[in-house]
Amino acid sequence: MKKLIALLILTSHLLVFGQASMTMQNTYPTSYFGSPLDIPLILAGTFGELRPNHFHAGLDIKTQQREGLNVLASAEGYVSRIKIAHWGYGKVIYITHPNGYTTVYGHLQKFSDRIEAYIKKQQYKNESFEIQVYPSASELPVAKGEIIALSGSTGGFIGPHLHFEIRDSSTEKTINPFLFGIQISDSKRPTINTLVGYSLDTDSQINQVNIPLQLSFKRLNNGDLLADKINAFGKIGFGVNAYDQLDDAINQNGLYSLELSVNGEKFHEFKASILAFAEDKYINLLIDYERFDKMGQRIQKCFVEPANKLSMYPTSVNNGYLTIEDKKSYNVDIIAKDFNGNSQKISIPIIGKNDSILVRKTEIVTPYKINSALFNEFSKDGVTVAFPKNTFYNDLWLDFDVSESIAKVHESTVPIHNNYTITFDVSKYSDIEKQQLYIASINKKGRTSYESTVKKDSTFYASTKRLGKFTLLYDREAPTIQLHNFKDNQWLTNHEKLQVKIFDYKSGINTYRAEINGQWILMEYDVATGLLTYNFKDKVFADSKHELKVVVTDNVGNSNTLTATFFRKI
């Protein structure tokens, strides 16, 4: 009787939990938010897609390869945040809605007249193109379907599209817009094109190999995939490279879920439903980061690394680690799904066999041992590297060396979680030389990039997330400034805009300032083209003769000034 009562109580709890789970899954309003564009929605990117060092937090909606499409408020609310930046989302609007959610609209070309007037007033007040403001609920209310902006391509080297998000206003977590009823035509099943097996400790193996092993498979008549039978032993895991395609686009988009089952029982699952920005960096533990760094291919692991704190695993028995016993048989299924339920399955037959290991990963021992839980600092030949605790996810031997003025700080195949500091002793340089020096990173192709350099009397340092090679470089050249859409002493009465092109070949542009007749003017900077653009509608100058002055400074302080005269009637 006691066992029966206990069973009834357990069943009751399971039913309540199941009902609660179903309720949680259906709490999102599916008819509240409308389309942010007045054209058929075709996607270039989906929610939760794997991107460099982050997950994609929304939908990338195509804008017919052009700019200037009407962007609509997806629901009533008020503009709670406006940000304009050279990078990231570029020009972006946040709308807070009374139902507890916030929608985000990024890469905009310009805002509606009312919002444009509001933000330009703040830009002129602060004399800055880049700006971020937080209007009150009464300042910029919007109605559902109201035009709030025109679509664009601001925010760096990107093509025209609209980035659209839905966030929980209280937590700032982003939620898959598909859960709110945003629908996209998708009848295609995802594609799995690579399967990799992982031996997860020193005693485990797959086909007598203790290193990651790409596995062969074939396609069955029903479209499913079947891997070649493998022999394995000990703690192992699997990962796949997979993508989804929608009906009206050729883009290779992200999955909604990735499931792994063992002998018919669900064992591990990843689901792209909710994202927390604080968890973004753990994407580098979700994927096989070394393979991505070397080959550019993202293998999504169907197991959870010990340091991985992602909350995107609804199910994960033993963190997805499979323990294969000798002389036992297993069948592992990995199923890639999109939001519409289309799926691709790959089956992996496994025979447990405790065989000899023929190939092992070799560990290179160096004088520099990283204890990932502690602060680590090492110096050699005038270069010091300092790693705060938890910079690395695991302990390792650091490959650190200095040769011919180039510092090598390990390999870029290892992901890091926090910034570390690299410091160069510059005491041997003169004051003039120090002014023109900066720290640069060197990529695999030998190209250099400016690292934000902090200068003290005898040391320069930079805080960086990059591993690899670094050096000190000179920048003795001032930025270039050129008139773009007019010539000196030209009449510009019929011009809507005034444009100047700027560029710096070494350390890069740091600041710019433009004035007409001694008054600051707003010039929008497009980092992709190097163009500074002034709209004549911004200000009315009484005289017909005008003096333009543009001052541009690079990251080591080299400065250049352009002056020009133009004529324009009111």
Protein backbone atom coordinates (compact mmCIF):
# COMPACT_ATOMS: atom_id res chain seq x y z
CA MET A 1 0.00 0.00 0.00
CA LYS A 2 2.82 2.43 0.87
CA LYS A 3 4.46 1.72 -2.48
CA LEU A 4 1.13 2.36 -4.23
CA ILE A 5 0.63 5.67 -2.41
CA ALA A 6 4.20 6.72 -3.23
CA LEU A 7 3.63 5.81 -6.87
CA LEU A 8 0.41 7.85 -6.98
CA ILE A 9 2.14 10.86 -5.42
CA LEU A 10 5.04 10.57 -7.89
CA THR A 11 2.62 10.27 -10.81
CA SER A 12 0.69 13.31 -9.54
CA HIS A 13 3.92 15.34 -9.33
CA LEU A 14 4.94 14.27 -12.84
CA LEU A 15 1.54 15.26 -14.22
CA VAL A 16 1.71 18.66 -12.52
CA PHE A 17 5.27 19.16 -13.77
CA GLY A 18 4.25 18.15 -17.28
CA GLN A 19 1.28 20.53 -17.23
CA ALA A 20 3.49 23.31 -15.87
CA SER A 21 6.04 22.67 -18.61
CA MET A 22 3.33 22.79 -21.28
CA THR A 23 1.97 26.00 -19.75
CA MET A 24 5.44 27.57 -19.78
CA GLN A 25 5.90 26.61 -23.41
CA ASN A 26 2.59 28.24 -24.37
CA THR A 27 2.82 31.49 -22.41
CA TYR A 28 4.08 33.54 -25.35
CA PRO A 29 1.37 35.56 -27.10
CA THR A 30 1.22 34.30 -30.68
CA SER A 31 -0.90 37.06 -32.22
CA TYR A 32 0.38 40.14 -30.40
CA PHE A 33 3.40 41.04 -32.53
CA GLY A 34 3.04 41.87 -36.20
CA SER A 35 5.62 41.81 -38.96
CA PRO A 36 8.30 44.54 -38.73
CA LEU A 37 8.30 44.89 -42.54
CA ASP A 38 5.46 45.28 -45.03
CA ILE A 39 6.96 42.75 -47.45
CA PRO A 40 6.92 38.92 -47.34
CA LEU A 41 9.42 37.80 -44.70
CA ILE A 42 12.46 35.93 -46.04
CA LEU A 43 15.29 35.24 -43.63
CA ALA A 44 19.05 35.49 -43.94
CA GLY A 45 19.57 34.39 -40.32
CA THR A 46 17.60 32.59 -37.62
CA PHE A 47 17.50 32.80 -33.83
CA GLY A 48 20.27 30.98 -31.98
CA GLU A 49 22.43 30.62 -35.06
CA LEU A 50 26.10 29.96 -34.31
CA ARG A 51 28.15 33.10 -34.94
CA PRO A 52 31.74 34.09 -34.01
CA ASN A 53 31.85 34.24 -30.19
CA HIS A 54 28.07 34.60 -29.87
CA PHE A 55 24.67 33.24 -30.72
CA HIS A 56 22.48 35.18 -33.13
CA ALA A 57 19.93 36.89 -30.90
CA GLY A 58 17.12 37.44 -33.41
CA LEU A 59 16.03 37.14 -37.00
CA ASP A 60 17.90 38.67 -39.93
CA ILE A 61 15.18 39.62 -42.40
CA LYS A 62 16.09 40.22 -46.03
CA THR A 63 15.20 43.59 -47.52
CA GLN A 64 15.32 42.68 -51.21
CA GLN A 65 19.05 43.58 -51.38
CA ARG A 66 18.28 47.25 -50.90
CA GLU A 67 17.88 49.91 -48.23
CA GLY A 68 15.03 52.27 -47.44
CA LEU A 69 12.15 49.84 -46.78
CA ASN A 70 9.58 50.87 -44.18
CA VAL A 71 10.28 49.38 -40.75
CA LEU A 72 7.12 49.03 -38.66
CA ALA A 73 6.54 48.90 -34.93
CA SER A 74 5.64 45.28 -34.29
CA ALA A 75 3.18 46.29 -31.54
CA GLU A 76 2.15 49.38 -29.60
CA GLY A 77 4.53 50.72 -26.99
CA TYR A 78 7.15 53.42 -26.65
CA VAL A 79 10.70 53.92 -27.88
CA SER A 80 12.72 53.16 -24.76
CA ARG A 81 16.22 53.19 -26.21
CA ILE A 82 17.99 54.52 -29.29
CA LYS A 83 21.60 53.72 -30.04
CA ILE A 84 23.82 54.84 -32.89
CA ALA A 85 27.23 53.18 -33.23
CA HIS A 86 29.79 52.57 -35.94
CA TRP A 87 29.69 48.83 -35.27
CA GLY A 88 27.28 46.23 -33.90
CA TYR A 89 23.64 47.01 -34.64
CA GLY A 90 24.53 50.40 -36.15
CA LYS A 91 21.39 52.50 -35.82
CA VAL A 92 18.98 50.61 -33.59
CA ILE A 93 15.61 51.23 -31.92
CA TYR A 94 14.22 49.45 -28.86
CA ILE A 95 10.44 49.54 -28.26
CA THR A 96 9.06 48.54 -24.87
CA HIS A 97 5.57 47.05 -24.96
CA PRO A 98 2.94 46.92 -22.19
CA ASN A 99 2.88 43.10 -22.23
CA GLY A 100 6.39 42.81 -20.74
CA TYR A 101 8.43 42.43 -23.92
CA THR A 102 10.77 44.68 -25.90
CA THR A 103 11.33 44.54 -29.65
CA VAL A 104 14.63 45.52 -31.26
CA TYR A 105 15.18 46.82 -34.82
CA GLY A 106 18.82 47.01 -35.97
CA HIS A 107 21.03 48.16 -38.89
CA LEU A 108 18.60 50.98 -39.74
CA GLN A 109 19.35 53.57 -42.41
CA LYS A 110 17.48 56.38 -40.67
CA PHE A 111 14.63 56.91 -38.26
CA SER A 112 11.15 58.30 -38.88
CA ASP A 113 10.97 62.11 -38.93
CA ARG A 114 9.75 62.33 -35.33
CA ILE A 115 12.39 59.98 -33.96
CA GLU A 116 15.09 61.43 -36.23
CA ALA A 117 14.42 64.94 -34.90
CA TYR A 118 14.58 63.67 -31.32
CA ILE A 119 17.90 61.86 -31.71
CA LYS A 120 19.59 64.56 -33.81
CA LYS A 121 18.80 67.09 -31.11
CA GLN A 122 20.72 64.87 -28.68
CA GLN A 123 23.57 64.37 -31.14
CA TYR A 124 24.02 68.10 -31.65
CA LYS A 125 23.78 68.70 -27.93
CA ASN A 126 26.56 66.16 -27.30
CA GLU A 127 28.44 66.94 -30.54
CA SER A 128 28.72 63.24 -31.29
CA PHE A 129 27.49 60.90 -34.02
CA GLU A 130 27.71 57.86 -31.73
CA ILE A 131 25.11 58.18 -28.99
CA GLN A 132 22.77 56.21 -26.77
CA VAL A 133 19.62 57.62 -25.16
CA TYR A 134 16.73 56.26 -23.11
CA PRO A 135 13.51 58.21 -23.79
CA SER A 136 10.76 58.12 -21.17
CA ALA A 137 7.46 56.36 -21.83
CA SER A 138 5.75 59.66 -22.70
CA GLU A 139 8.33 61.03 -25.15
CA LEU A 140 8.10 58.68 -28.15
CA PRO A 141 4.97 56.50 -28.01
CA VAL A 142 4.31 54.36 -31.10
CA ALA A 143 1.31 52.51 -32.48
CA LYS A 144 1.33 49.01 -33.91
CA GLY A 145 2.26 49.17 -37.60
CA GLU A 146 3.60 52.72 -37.37
CA ILE A 147 6.64 53.47 -39.53
CA ILE A 148 9.53 53.96 -37.11
CA ALA A 149 12.50 53.83 -39.50
CA LEU A 150 13.86 52.85 -42.89
CA SER A 151 15.89 49.67 -43.27
CA GLY A 152 19.61 49.94 -43.92
CA SER A 153 23.03 48.33 -43.53
CA THR A 154 24.61 50.31 -40.68
CA GLY A 155 26.92 48.71 -38.15
CA GLY A 156 30.00 47.68 -40.13
CA PHE A 157 30.68 45.54 -43.16
CA ILE A 158 27.22 44.05 -43.65
CA GLY A 159 24.67 43.88 -46.45
CA PRO A 160 21.20 45.44 -46.28
CA HIS A 161 18.82 43.64 -43.90
CA LEU A 162 16.75 44.17 -40.77
CA HIS A 163 17.81 42.58 -37.50
CA PHE A 164 14.71 41.91 -35.37
CA GLU A 165 14.57 40.69 -31.77
CA ILE A 166 12.01 40.09 -29.05
CA ARG A 167 13.33 40.38 -25.49
CA ASP A 168 11.93 39.89 -22.02
CA SER A 169 11.90 43.49 -20.75
CA SER A 170 12.75 42.53 -17.17
CA THR A 171 15.59 40.06 -17.81
CA GLU A 172 16.91 41.30 -21.20
CA LYS A 173 16.92 37.69 -22.37
CA THR A 174 16.13 37.30 -26.04
CA ILE A 175 13.40 34.87 -27.09
CA ASN A 176 12.95 33.08 -30.40
CA PRO A 177 10.45 35.22 -32.39
CA PHE A 178 8.98 32.03 -33.87
CA LEU A 179 7.52 31.33 -30.41
CA PHE A 180 5.44 34.51 -30.82
CA GLY A 181 3.82 33.39 -34.04
CA ILE A 182 6.25 35.00 -36.50
CA GLN A 183 5.94 32.49 -39.34
CA ILE A 184 8.31 31.70 -42.19
CA SER A 185 7.67 29.18 -44.96
CA ASP A 186 9.89 26.17 -44.27
CA SER A 187 9.22 22.70 -45.65
CA LYS A 188 12.87 21.63 -46.01
CA ARG A 189 14.53 19.27 -43.57
CA PRO A 190 17.86 20.34 -42.02
CA THR A 191 21.12 19.00 -43.42
CA ILE A 192 23.76 17.09 -41.47
CA ASN A 193 26.99 17.04 -43.44
CA THR A 194 29.70 16.09 -40.93
CA LEU A 195 29.82 13.69 -37.98
CA VAL A 196 32.66 13.67 -35.45
CA GLY A 197 33.28 11.31 -32.53
CA TYR A 198 35.13 12.43 -29.39
CA SER A 199 37.05 10.40 -26.83
CA LEU A 200 36.46 12.32 -23.62
CA ASP A 201 39.19 11.00 -21.33
CA THR A 202 42.62 9.43 -21.70
CA ASP A 203 41.32 5.85 -21.54
CA SER A 204 38.46 6.12 -24.04
CA GLN A 205 38.61 5.41 -27.75
CA ILE A 206 36.69 5.30 -31.02
CA ASN A 207 38.10 2.89 -33.59
CA GLN A 208 41.31 2.69 -31.53
CA VAL A 209 41.75 6.48 -31.71
CA ASN A 210 41.81 8.82 -28.70
CA ILE A 211 41.54 12.10 -30.67
CA PRO A 212 38.52 13.63 -32.46
CA LEU A 213 37.62 11.39 -35.37
CA GLN A 214 35.46 12.27 -38.38
CA LEU A 215 33.09 9.39 -39.09
CA SER A 216 31.71 8.20 -42.42
CA PHE A 217 28.00 7.75 -43.15
CA LYS A 218 25.63 7.07 -46.03
CA ARG A 219 22.18 8.28 -47.00
CA LEU A 220 19.27 5.82 -46.82
CA ASN A 221 16.31 5.71 -49.20
CA ASN A 222 14.08 7.52 -46.69
CA GLY A 223 16.54 10.41 -46.44
CA ASP A 224 17.93 9.47 -43.03
CA LEU A 225 21.65 8.93 -42.54
CA LEU A 226 23.45 5.82 -41.28
CA ALA A 227 27.00 5.98 -39.96
CA ASP A 228 29.45 3.15 -40.45
CA LYS A 229 29.52 0.84 -37.42
CA ILE A 230 32.18 1.88 -34.91
CA ASN A 231 34.04 0.14 -32.14
CA ALA A 232 34.34 2.22 -28.98
CA PHE A 233 35.10 2.06 -25.30
CA GLY A 234 34.86 4.38 -22.31
CA LYS A 235 33.52 7.92 -22.16
CA ILE A 236 32.74 9.28 -25.61
CA GLY A 237 30.55 11.93 -27.28
CA PHE A 238 29.46 13.08 -30.70
CA GLY A 239 29.06 16.32 -32.63
CA VAL A 240 27.69 17.33 -36.01
CA ASN A 241 27.95 20.14 -38.47
CA ALA A 242 24.37 20.86 -39.51
CA TYR A 243 22.25 23.67 -40.91
CA ASP A 244 18.70 24.45 -41.97
CA GLN A 245 17.40 26.10 -45.13
CA LEU A 246 14.09 27.88 -45.57
CA ASP A 247 11.87 27.64 -48.63
CA ASP A 248 12.64 31.00 -50.22
CA ALA A 249 16.35 31.42 -49.47
CA ILE A 250 19.64 29.62 -50.01
CA ASN A 251 21.17 30.77 -46.71
CA GLN A 252 22.45 28.07 -44.39
CA ASN A 253 20.64 28.92 -41.16
CA GLY A 254 20.85 27.61 -37.61
CA LEU A 255 18.95 24.72 -36.08
CA TYR A 256 16.10 25.03 -33.62
CA SER A 257 17.06 21.87 -31.75
CA LEU A 258 19.61 19.08 -31.75
CA GLU A 259 18.71 15.86 -29.95
CA LEU A 260 20.74 12.78 -29.12
CA SER A 261 19.14 9.52 -28.01
CA VAL A 262 20.67 6.22 -26.91
CA ASN A 263 18.80 3.01 -27.63
CA GLY A 264 15.60 4.98 -28.21
CA GLU A 265 15.79 7.11 -25.02
CA LYS A 266 16.40 10.87 -25.24
CA PHE A 267 19.81 11.51 -23.70
CA HIS A 268 20.73 15.07 -24.58
CA GLU A 269 19.06 18.07 -26.22
CA PHE A 270 20.01 21.62 -27.26
CA LYS A 271 17.18 24.03 -28.02
CA ALA A 272 17.34 27.61 -29.35
CA SER A 273 14.40 29.10 -27.43
CA ILE A 274 15.87 31.67 -25.04
CA LEU A 275 19.28 33.34 -24.94
CA ALA A 276 21.03 35.23 -22.15
CA PHE A 277 23.76 37.58 -23.40
CA ALA A 278 25.94 36.68 -20.39
CA GLU A 279 26.12 33.12 -21.73
CA ASP A 280 27.23 34.08 -25.25
CA LYS A 281 30.90 33.20 -24.75
CA TYR A 282 30.06 29.61 -23.91
CA ILE A 283 29.29 29.08 -27.59
CA ASN A 284 33.02 28.34 -27.88
CA LEU A 285 32.53 25.30 -25.66
CA LEU A 286 29.37 24.23 -27.48
CA ILE A 287 31.35 23.96 -30.70
CA ASP A 288 34.63 22.19 -31.45
CA TYR A 289 36.59 25.43 -31.24
CA GLU A 290 39.91 23.99 -32.43
CA ARG A 291 38.30 22.58 -35.57
CA PHE A 292 36.53 25.88 -36.19
CA ASP A 293 39.78 27.81 -35.84
CA LYS A 294 41.67 25.50 -38.19
CA MET A 295 38.99 24.64 -40.75
CA GLY A 296 36.25 27.26 -40.37
CA GLN A 297 33.71 24.51 -39.70
CA ARG A 298 31.43 24.56 -36.66
CA ILE A 299 30.84 21.13 -35.15
CA GLN A 300 28.08 21.42 -32.54
CA LYS A 301 28.80 19.07 -29.65
CA CYS A 302 26.01 16.83 -28.32
CA PHE A 303 27.56 16.90 -24.86
CA VAL A 304 28.35 19.58 -22.28
CA GLU A 305 31.93 20.50 -21.43
CA PRO A 306 32.52 20.85 -17.65
CA ALA A 307 33.00 24.65 -17.82
CA ASN A 308 30.02 25.20 -20.13
CA LYS A 309 27.27 27.11 -18.27
CA LEU A 310 24.79 27.42 -21.13
CA SER A 311 21.16 27.12 -20.04
CA MET A 312 20.00 25.90 -23.47
CA TYR A 313 19.88 22.20 -22.62
CA PRO A 314 16.32 21.10 -21.66
CA THR A 315 17.62 17.53 -21.33
CA SER A 316 21.14 16.32 -20.65
CA VAL A 317 21.69 12.96 -18.96
CA ASN A 318 25.25 12.76 -17.64
CA ASN A 319 25.94 15.94 -19.62
CA GLY A 320 25.59 13.96 -22.84
CA TYR A 321 28.63 11.77 -22.09
CA LEU A 322 28.15 8.18 -23.23
CA THR A 323 29.90 5.42 -21.29
CA ILE A 324 30.49 2.51 -23.65
CA GLU A 325 31.06 -0.85 -22.02
CA ASP A 326 32.99 -3.75 -23.49
CA LYS A 327 30.98 -6.27 -25.56
CA LYS A 328 27.74 -4.27 -25.41
CA SER A 329 25.83 -2.86 -28.39
CA TYR A 330 24.35 0.64 -28.66
CA ASN A 331 22.46 2.66 -31.21
CA VAL A 332 22.82 6.43 -31.04
CA ASP A 333 20.47 8.73 -32.99
CA ILE A 334 21.18 12.42 -33.53
CA ILE A 335 18.23 14.43 -34.82
CA ALA A 336 18.56 17.98 -36.18
CA LYS A 337 15.26 19.90 -36.24
CA ASP A 338 13.97 23.25 -37.42
CA PHE A 339 11.13 25.15 -35.73
CA ASN A 340 8.52 23.74 -38.13
CA GLY A 341 9.41 20.18 -37.09
CA ASN A 342 11.32 19.16 -40.21
CA SER A 343 14.14 16.87 -39.16
CA GLN A 344 17.24 15.01 -40.29
CA LYS A 345 18.38 11.91 -38.38
CA ILE A 346 21.72 10.19 -38.36
CA SER A 347 22.06 6.78 -36.66
CA ILE A 348 25.36 5.52 -35.24
CA PRO A 349 25.69 1.79 -34.42
CA ILE A 350 28.29 1.15 -31.71
CA ILE A 351 29.98 -2.06 -30.56
CA GLY A 352 31.72 -1.85 -27.19
CA LYS A 353 35.30 -3.07 -27.60
CA ASN A 354 38.13 -2.44 -25.18
CA ASP A 355 40.92 -2.46 -27.73
CA SER A 356 44.45 -1.06 -27.77
CA ILE A 357 44.71 2.70 -28.51
CA LEU A 358 46.83 3.39 -31.57
CA VAL A 359 46.58 7.21 -31.79
CA ARG A 360 46.69 9.62 -28.86
CA LYS A 361 46.84 13.38 -28.64
CA THR A 362 50.30 14.49 -27.55
CA GLU A 363 50.65 17.15 -24.86
CA ILE A 364 53.41 19.72 -25.34
CA VAL A 365 55.00 20.71 -22.02
CA THR A 366 56.31 24.29 -21.69
CA PRO A 367 57.80 26.32 -18.82
CA TYR A 368 54.47 28.11 -18.42
CA LYS A 369 51.69 26.14 -16.74
CA ILE A 370 48.24 27.75 -16.62
CA ASN A 371 46.07 26.96 -13.62
CA SER A 372 42.74 28.18 -14.96
CA ALA A 373 41.28 28.77 -11.48
CA LEU A 374 44.11 31.15 -10.48
CA PHE A 375 45.73 34.38 -11.66
CA ASN A 376 48.69 33.58 -13.95
CA GLU A 377 51.50 35.93 -15.03
CA PHE A 378 54.59 35.20 -17.12
CA SER A 379 57.38 37.39 -18.52
CA LYS A 380 60.05 36.96 -21.14
CA ASP A 381 62.38 39.40 -22.96
CA GLY A 382 60.41 42.53 -22.08
CA VAL A 383 56.94 41.10 -22.64
CA THR A 384 54.54 40.15 -19.84
CA VAL A 385 51.23 38.34 -20.14
CA ALA A 386 48.76 38.35 -17.23
CA PHE A 387 45.69 36.14 -17.16
CA PRO A 388 42.93 36.75 -14.57
CA LYS A 389 41.47 33.62 -13.02
CA ASN A 390 39.00 31.78 -15.26
CA THR A 391 40.42 33.32 -18.42
CA PHE A 392 40.86 29.78 -19.71
CA TYR A 393 38.24 27.08 -19.41
CA ASN A 394 40.83 24.37 -18.65
CA ASP A 395 44.39 24.07 -17.34
CA LEU A 396 47.06 23.98 -20.04
CA TRP A 397 50.71 24.45 -20.87
CA LEU A 398 51.00 27.94 -22.37
CA ASP A 399 53.06 28.28 -25.56
CA PHE A 400 54.64 31.66 -24.80
CA ASP A 401 57.72 32.97 -26.57
CA VAL A 402 59.33 36.20 -27.79
CA SER A 403 61.45 36.21 -30.93
CA GLU A 404 62.54 39.06 -33.22
CA SER A 405 60.22 41.53 -31.46
CA ILE A 406 57.18 39.26 -31.93
CA ALA A 407 55.45 37.80 -28.90
CA LYS A 408 53.64 34.51 -29.35
CA VAL A 409 50.86 33.93 -26.83
CA HIS A 410 49.77 30.35 -27.44
CA GLU A 411 47.62 29.26 -30.39
CA SER A 412 44.30 30.75 -31.47
CA THR A 413 42.84 27.22 -31.38
CA VAL A 414 42.07 27.61 -27.66
CA PRO A 415 38.99 29.64 -26.62
CA ILE A 416 39.23 32.09 -23.73
CA HIS A 417 36.45 33.52 -21.58
CA ASN A 418 37.90 36.81 -20.31
CA ASN A 419 40.33 39.45 -21.49
CA TYR A 420 43.95 39.17 -20.50
CA THR A 421 46.73 41.78 -20.57
CA ILE A 422 49.87 41.84 -22.70
CA THR A 423 52.51 44.39 -21.70
CA PHE A 424 55.58 45.52 -23.64
CA ASP A 425 58.61 47.21 -22.06
CA VAL A 426 59.23 50.35 -24.15
CA SER A 427 61.91 51.98 -22.00
CA LYS A 428 64.44 51.80 -24.86
CA TYR A 429 62.37 54.06 -27.11
CA SER A 430 62.49 57.86 -27.21
CA ASP A 431 59.43 59.95 -26.33
CA ILE A 432 58.79 60.71 -30.01
CA GLU A 433 59.04 57.02 -30.90
CA LYS A 434 56.68 56.09 -28.06
CA GLN A 435 54.10 58.52 -29.35
CA GLN A 436 54.06 56.77 -32.73
CA LEU A 437 54.18 53.19 -31.37
CA TYR A 438 51.23 50.90 -30.71
CA ILE A 439 50.56 47.25 -29.95
CA ALA A 440 49.30 45.23 -32.90
CA SER A 441 48.05 41.67 -33.25
CA ILE A 442 49.12 39.58 -36.25
CA ASN A 443 46.65 37.17 -37.83
CA LYS A 444 47.43 33.90 -39.61
CA LYS A 445 47.76 35.69 -42.94
CA GLY A 446 50.28 38.14 -41.50
CA ARG A 447 47.90 41.08 -41.40
CA THR A 448 48.14 43.41 -38.43
CA SER A 449 45.35 45.02 -36.39
CA TYR A 450 45.51 47.80 -33.84
CA GLU A 451 45.02 46.67 -30.23
CA SER A 452 43.70 49.39 -27.92
CA THR A 453 47.00 50.51 -26.41
CA VAL A 454 47.38 52.12 -22.98
CA LYS A 455 50.66 54.01 -22.68
CA LYS A 456 52.68 54.57 -19.53
CA ASP A 457 56.22 55.93 -19.20
CA SER A 458 58.10 52.71 -19.75
CA THR A 459 55.38 50.20 -20.62
CA PHE A 460 52.54 49.84 -23.11
CA TYR A 461 49.75 47.35 -22.49
CA ALA A 462 46.60 46.12 -24.17
CA SER A 463 43.65 44.14 -22.86
CA THR A 464 42.62 41.56 -25.44
CA LYS A 465 40.64 38.38 -26.08
CA ARG A 466 42.98 37.27 -28.86
CA LEU A 467 45.57 34.55 -28.59
CA GLY A 468 48.34 34.46 -31.16
CA LYS A 469 51.10 36.86 -32.18
CA PHE A 470 51.66 40.47 -31.11
CA THR A 471 54.26 43.13 -31.82
CA LEU A 472 54.97 46.86 -31.59
CA LEU A 473 54.45 48.88 -34.77
CA TYR A 474 55.01 52.49 -35.78
CA ASP A 475 52.35 54.74 -37.25
CA ARG A 476 54.03 57.87 -38.57
CA GLU A 477 51.36 58.76 -41.14
CA ALA A 478 48.40 61.04 -40.53
CA PRO A 479 44.94 59.95 -41.75
CA THR A 480 43.90 60.89 -45.27
CA ILE A 481 40.95 63.24 -45.91
CA GLN A 482 39.47 63.79 -49.35
CA LEU A 483 36.51 65.73 -50.72
CA HIS A 484 34.13 63.15 -52.16
CA ASN A 485 31.01 64.58 -53.82
CA PHE A 486 32.16 68.16 -54.43
CA LYS A 487 35.23 70.25 -55.18
CA ASP A 488 36.72 73.23 -53.41
CA ASN A 489 34.93 76.53 -54.20
CA GLN A 490 31.96 74.74 -55.76
CA TRP A 491 28.34 75.82 -55.63
CA LEU A 492 26.26 73.17 -53.81
CA THR A 493 22.79 74.69 -53.99
CA ASN A 494 21.24 71.53 -55.44
CA HIS A 495 23.17 69.11 -53.24
CA GLU A 496 21.29 67.33 -50.45
CA LYS A 497 24.45 66.03 -48.84
CA LEU A 498 28.08 66.92 -48.37
CA GLN A 499 30.54 64.01 -48.28
CA VAL A 500 34.18 63.59 -47.28
CA LYS A 501 36.19 60.35 -47.37
CA ILE A 502 38.62 59.51 -44.57
CA PHE A 503 41.03 56.62 -44.05
CA ASP A 504 44.02 55.59 -41.94
CA TYR A 505 46.43 52.91 -43.14
CA LYS A 506 48.01 51.85 -39.84
CA SER A 507 46.48 52.30 -36.38
CA GLY A 508 43.01 53.31 -37.65
CA ILE A 509 40.64 56.23 -37.15
CA ASN A 510 40.09 57.31 -33.55
CA THR A 511 38.16 60.60 -33.73
CA TYR A 512 36.86 63.05 -36.27
CA ARG A 513 35.26 66.48 -36.00
CA ALA A 514 33.61 68.58 -38.68
CA GLU A 515 32.57 72.24 -38.63
CA ILE A 516 30.92 74.67 -41.01
CA ASN A 517 31.72 78.30 -40.30
CA GLY A 518 33.07 77.29 -36.90
CA GLN A 519 29.91 75.41 -35.85
CA TRP A 520 29.95 71.66 -35.18
CA ILE A 521 28.00 69.63 -37.73
CA LEU A 522 26.79 66.05 -37.60
CA MET A 523 28.64 63.91 -40.11
CA GLU A 524 27.58 60.26 -40.16
CA TYR A 525 30.52 57.87 -40.48
CA ASP A 526 30.14 54.72 -42.60
CA VAL A 527 33.07 52.49 -41.58
CA ALA A 528 32.56 50.25 -44.63
CA THR A 529 33.09 53.05 -47.16
CA GLY A 530 35.03 55.56 -45.06
CA LEU A 531 32.49 58.26 -45.93
CA LEU A 532 31.53 61.14 -43.67
CA THR A 533 28.12 62.50 -44.71
CA TYR A 534 26.43 65.76 -43.71
CA ASN A 535 22.77 66.44 -44.53
CA PHE A 536 22.10 70.07 -45.42
CA LYS A 537 18.64 69.83 -43.82
CA ASP A 538 20.27 69.76 -40.39
CA LYS A 539 21.15 73.46 -40.26
CA VAL A 540 20.46 76.67 -42.13
CA PHE A 541 23.44 78.98 -42.66
CA ALA A 542 22.55 82.54 -43.55
CA ASP A 543 25.49 83.45 -45.82
CA SER A 544 26.15 81.91 -49.22
CA LYS A 545 29.88 81.34 -48.68
CA HIS A 546 30.82 78.60 -46.22
CA GLU A 547 34.01 77.20 -44.77
CA LEU A 548 34.22 73.47 -44.07
CA LYS A 549 36.79 72.16 -41.62
CA VAL A 550 37.35 68.45 -40.92
CA VAL A 551 39.90 67.21 -38.36
CA VAL A 552 40.70 63.48 -38.19
CA THR A 553 42.97 61.81 -35.62
CA ASP A 554 44.25 58.23 -35.63
CA ASN A 555 44.80 55.94 -32.65
CA VAL A 556 48.34 57.13 -31.91
CA GLY A 557 47.51 60.83 -32.17
CA ASN A 558 48.55 61.66 -35.75
CA SER A 559 46.14 64.32 -36.98
CA ASN A 560 45.16 65.79 -40.32
CA THR A 561 42.98 68.78 -41.16
CA LEU A 562 41.07 69.51 -44.35
CA THR A 563 39.59 72.90 -45.12
CA ALA A 564 37.44 73.73 -48.11
CA THR A 565 35.11 76.45 -49.30
CA PHE A 566 31.69 75.90 -50.83
CA PHE A 567 28.79 78.12 -51.81
CA ARG A 568 25.14 77.49 -51.14
CA LYS A 569 22.05 79.70 -51.13
CA ILE A 570 19.36 79.35 -48.50
